[in-house]
Amino acid sequence: MKITVKVKPNSRENSIKQVESGIYEVKVSVPPEKGKANQKVIDLLAKELRIAKSRISLIRGESSREKIFTVED
């Protein structure tokens, strides 16, 4: 399954909101440097979807605000 995520780094708080089916808006409080924001997005997605972090991987958008993740079944 593929998930599209719109990330807002340097936010006041960490939050995740499903906008449409398979599209999420994620706010993270960490800066977008050295993959810190990407890792925090994976942490929040795993918690929201109730799956292990190892089942989520970033496939596109490493340095972009719009990212595509894949989730293993």
N, C-alpha and C. Protein backbone atom coordinates (compact mmCIF):
# COMPACT_ATOMS: atom_id res chain seq x y z
N MET A 1 0.84 -1.17 0.00
CA MET A 1 0.00 0.00 0.00
C MET A 1 0.89 1.24 0.00
N LYS A 2 0.52 2.24 -0.79
CA LYS A 2 1.27 3.49 -0.84
C LYS A 2 0.49 4.58 -0.11
N ILE A 3 1.23 5.42 0.60
CA ILE A 3 0.64 6.52 1.35
C ILE A 3 1.34 7.81 0.93
N THR A 4 0.57 8.83 0.62
CA THR A 4 1.11 10.15 0.31
C THR A 4 1.02 11.00 1.58
N VAL A 5 2.12 11.68 1.89
CA VAL A 5 2.19 12.47 3.11
C VAL A 5 2.66 13.88 2.78
N LYS A 6 1.94 14.86 3.27
CA LYS A 6 2.36 16.25 3.17
C LYS A 6 2.91 16.65 4.53
N VAL A 7 4.20 16.97 4.59
CA VAL A 7 4.89 17.21 5.86
C VAL A 7 5.07 18.70 6.10
N LYS A 8 4.84 19.09 7.35
CA LYS A 8 5.09 20.46 7.79
C LYS A 8 6.10 20.40 8.93
N PRO A 9 7.39 20.56 8.63
CA PRO A 9 8.42 20.50 9.69
C PRO A 9 8.44 21.77 10.53
N ASN A 10 9.13 21.72 11.65
CA ASN A 10 9.28 22.84 12.59
C ASN A 10 7.94 23.35 13.10
N SER A 11 6.99 22.46 13.25
CA SER A 11 5.68 22.84 13.81
C SER A 11 5.77 22.90 15.34
N ARG A 12 4.76 23.44 15.95
CA ARG A 12 4.75 23.51 17.42
C ARG A 12 4.57 22.15 18.06
N GLU A 13 3.85 21.27 17.39
CA GLU A 13 3.57 19.96 17.97
C GLU A 13 3.60 18.90 16.88
N ASN A 14 3.65 17.65 17.30
CA ASN A 14 3.58 16.52 16.38
C ASN A 14 2.12 16.10 16.25
N SER A 15 1.64 16.03 15.01
CA SER A 15 0.27 15.60 14.81
C SER A 15 0.13 14.97 13.43
N ILE A 16 -0.88 14.14 13.28
CA ILE A 16 -1.15 13.49 12.02
C ILE A 16 -2.65 13.54 11.76
N LYS A 17 -3.01 13.85 10.52
CA LYS A 17 -4.42 13.97 10.16
C LYS A 17 -4.61 13.35 8.78
N GLN A 18 -5.60 12.48 8.67
CA GLN A 18 -5.90 11.88 7.37
C GLN A 18 -6.81 12.83 6.60
N VAL A 19 -6.33 13.29 5.43
CA VAL A 19 -7.07 14.24 4.62
C VAL A 19 -8.04 13.50 3.70
N GLU A 20 -7.54 12.46 3.04
CA GLU A 20 -8.33 11.60 2.17
C GLU A 20 -7.82 10.17 2.38
N SER A 21 -8.42 9.25 1.68
CA SER A 21 -7.96 7.87 1.76
C SER A 21 -6.54 7.78 1.19
N GLY A 22 -5.59 7.40 2.02
CA GLY A 22 -4.20 7.25 1.58
C GLY A 22 -3.41 8.54 1.53
N ILE A 23 -4.00 9.66 1.98
CA ILE A 23 -3.29 10.94 2.00
C ILE A 23 -3.36 11.52 3.41
N TYR A 24 -2.18 11.82 3.96
CA TYR A 24 -2.08 12.33 5.33
C TYR A 24 -1.36 13.67 5.34
N GLU A 25 -1.71 14.49 6.33
CA GLU A 25 -0.99 15.72 6.61
C GLU A 25 -0.33 15.52 7.97
N VAL A 26 0.99 15.65 8.00
CA VAL A 26 1.75 15.38 9.22
C VAL A 26 2.54 16.62 9.61
N LYS A 27 2.39 17.03 10.86
CA LYS A 27 3.17 18.13 11.41
C LYS A 27 4.18 17.53 12.39
N VAL A 28 5.45 17.91 12.21
CA VAL A 28 6.50 17.42 13.11
C VAL A 28 7.25 18.61 13.70
N SER A 29 7.68 18.45 14.94
CA SER A 29 8.35 19.54 15.64
C SER A 29 9.85 19.57 15.39
N VAL A 30 10.38 18.63 14.65
CA VAL A 30 11.82 18.58 14.40
C VAL A 30 12.15 19.26 13.07
N PRO A 31 13.40 19.75 12.93
CA PRO A 31 13.79 20.40 11.68
C PRO A 31 14.06 19.37 10.58
N PRO A 32 13.94 19.80 9.32
CA PRO A 32 14.15 18.88 8.20
C PRO A 32 15.63 18.75 7.85
N GLU A 33 16.44 18.26 8.76
CA GLU A 33 17.86 18.09 8.49
C GLU A 33 18.32 16.70 8.89
N LYS A 34 19.16 16.13 8.07
CA LYS A 34 19.74 14.80 8.29
C LYS A 34 18.69 13.71 8.50
N GLY A 35 17.52 13.85 7.87
CA GLY A 35 16.49 12.82 7.94
C GLY A 35 15.71 12.76 9.23
N LYS A 36 15.90 13.73 10.11
CA LYS A 36 15.20 13.72 11.41
C LYS A 36 13.69 13.82 11.21
N ALA A 37 13.25 14.71 10.33
CA ALA A 37 11.82 14.88 10.10
C ALA A 37 11.23 13.63 9.46
N ASN A 38 11.95 13.04 8.52
CA ASN A 38 11.46 11.81 7.87
C ASN A 38 11.27 10.70 8.88
N GLN A 39 12.22 10.55 9.79
CA GLN A 39 12.12 9.50 10.81
C GLN A 39 10.94 9.75 11.74
N LYS A 40 10.72 11.01 12.08
CA LYS A 40 9.59 11.34 12.96
C LYS A 40 8.26 11.06 12.25
N VAL A 41 8.21 11.32 10.94
CA VAL A 41 7.00 11.01 10.16
C VAL A 41 6.74 9.51 10.19
N ILE A 42 7.78 8.71 10.03
CA ILE A 42 7.63 7.24 10.08
C ILE A 42 7.13 6.82 11.45
N ASP A 43 7.67 7.42 12.51
CA ASP A 43 7.23 7.10 13.87
C ASP A 43 5.73 7.39 14.04
N LEU A 44 5.30 8.56 13.57
CA LEU A 44 3.89 8.95 13.72
C LEU A 44 2.97 8.08 12.86
N LEU A 45 3.40 7.75 11.64
CA LEU A 45 2.60 6.88 10.77
C LEU A 45 2.44 5.49 11.39
N ALA A 46 3.53 4.96 11.94
CA ALA A 46 3.48 3.64 12.55
C ALA A 46 2.51 3.62 13.73
N LYS A 47 2.54 4.67 14.52
CA LYS A 47 1.63 4.77 15.66
C LYS A 47 0.17 4.89 15.19
N GLU A 48 -0.06 5.72 14.18
CA GLU A 48 -1.42 5.92 13.66
C GLU A 48 -1.99 4.65 13.04
N LEU A 49 -1.15 3.94 12.26
CA LEU A 49 -1.60 2.73 11.57
C LEU A 49 -1.49 1.48 12.43
N ARG A 50 -0.88 1.63 13.62
CA ARG A 50 -0.68 0.52 14.57
C ARG A 50 0.10 -0.63 13.94
N ILE A 51 1.24 -0.27 13.34
CA ILE A 51 2.14 -1.26 12.74
C ILE A 51 3.57 -0.96 13.18
N ALA A 52 4.47 -1.87 12.89
CA ALA A 52 5.88 -1.67 13.23
C ALA A 52 6.51 -0.65 12.28
N LYS A 53 7.43 0.16 12.82
CA LYS A 53 8.11 1.16 12.00
C LYS A 53 8.88 0.52 10.85
N SER A 54 9.37 -0.70 11.05
CA SER A 54 10.15 -1.38 10.02
C SER A 54 9.33 -1.73 8.79
N ARG A 55 8.01 -1.69 8.89
CA ARG A 55 7.15 -2.00 7.74
C ARG A 55 6.88 -0.78 6.86
N ILE A 56 7.36 0.39 7.28
CA ILE A 56 7.15 1.62 6.51
C ILE A 56 8.48 2.08 5.93
N SER A 57 8.48 2.39 4.63
CA SER A 57 9.70 2.90 4.01
C SER A 57 9.38 4.03 3.05
N LEU A 58 10.28 4.99 3.02
CA LEU A 58 10.15 6.15 2.15
C LEU A 58 10.62 5.78 0.75
N ILE A 59 9.76 5.98 -0.24
CA ILE A 59 10.17 5.62 -1.60
C ILE A 59 10.38 6.84 -2.50
N ARG A 60 9.79 7.99 -2.13
CA ARG A 60 10.01 9.19 -2.93
C ARG A 60 9.78 10.43 -2.08
N GLY A 61 10.61 11.46 -2.31
CA GLY A 61 10.43 12.74 -1.64
C GLY A 61 11.28 12.93 -0.41
N GLU A 62 12.49 12.38 -0.40
CA GLU A 62 13.34 12.47 0.78
C GLU A 62 13.58 13.91 1.22
N SER A 63 13.76 14.83 0.27
CA SER A 63 14.01 16.22 0.64
C SER A 63 12.86 17.14 0.25
N SER A 64 11.71 16.56 -0.03
CA SER A 64 10.53 17.32 -0.42
C SER A 64 9.51 17.32 0.71
N ARG A 65 8.58 18.25 0.69
CA ARG A 65 7.52 18.25 1.70
C ARG A 65 6.44 17.22 1.39
N GLU A 66 6.32 16.85 0.12
CA GLU A 66 5.36 15.81 -0.25
C GLU A 66 6.13 14.51 -0.46
N LYS A 67 5.78 13.51 0.32
CA LYS A 67 6.51 12.25 0.32
C LYS A 67 5.56 11.08 0.03
N ILE A 68 6.14 10.03 -0.49
CA ILE A 68 5.36 8.80 -0.71
C ILE A 68 6.05 7.68 0.06
N PHE A 69 5.26 7.03 0.90
CA PHE A 69 5.74 5.91 1.69
C PHE A 69 5.05 4.64 1.21
N THR A 70 5.70 3.53 1.39
CA THR A 70 5.08 2.25 1.14
C THR A 70 4.97 1.50 2.45
N VAL A 71 3.86 0.79 2.61
CA VAL A 71 3.62 0.02 3.83
C VAL A 71 3.50 -1.45 3.42
N GLU A 72 4.37 -2.27 4.01
CA GLU A 72 4.34 -3.72 3.72
C GLU A 72 3.13 -4.35 4.39
N ASP A 73 2.51 -5.31 3.71
CA ASP A 73 1.37 -6.03 4.27
C ASP A 73 1.82 -7.07 5.27
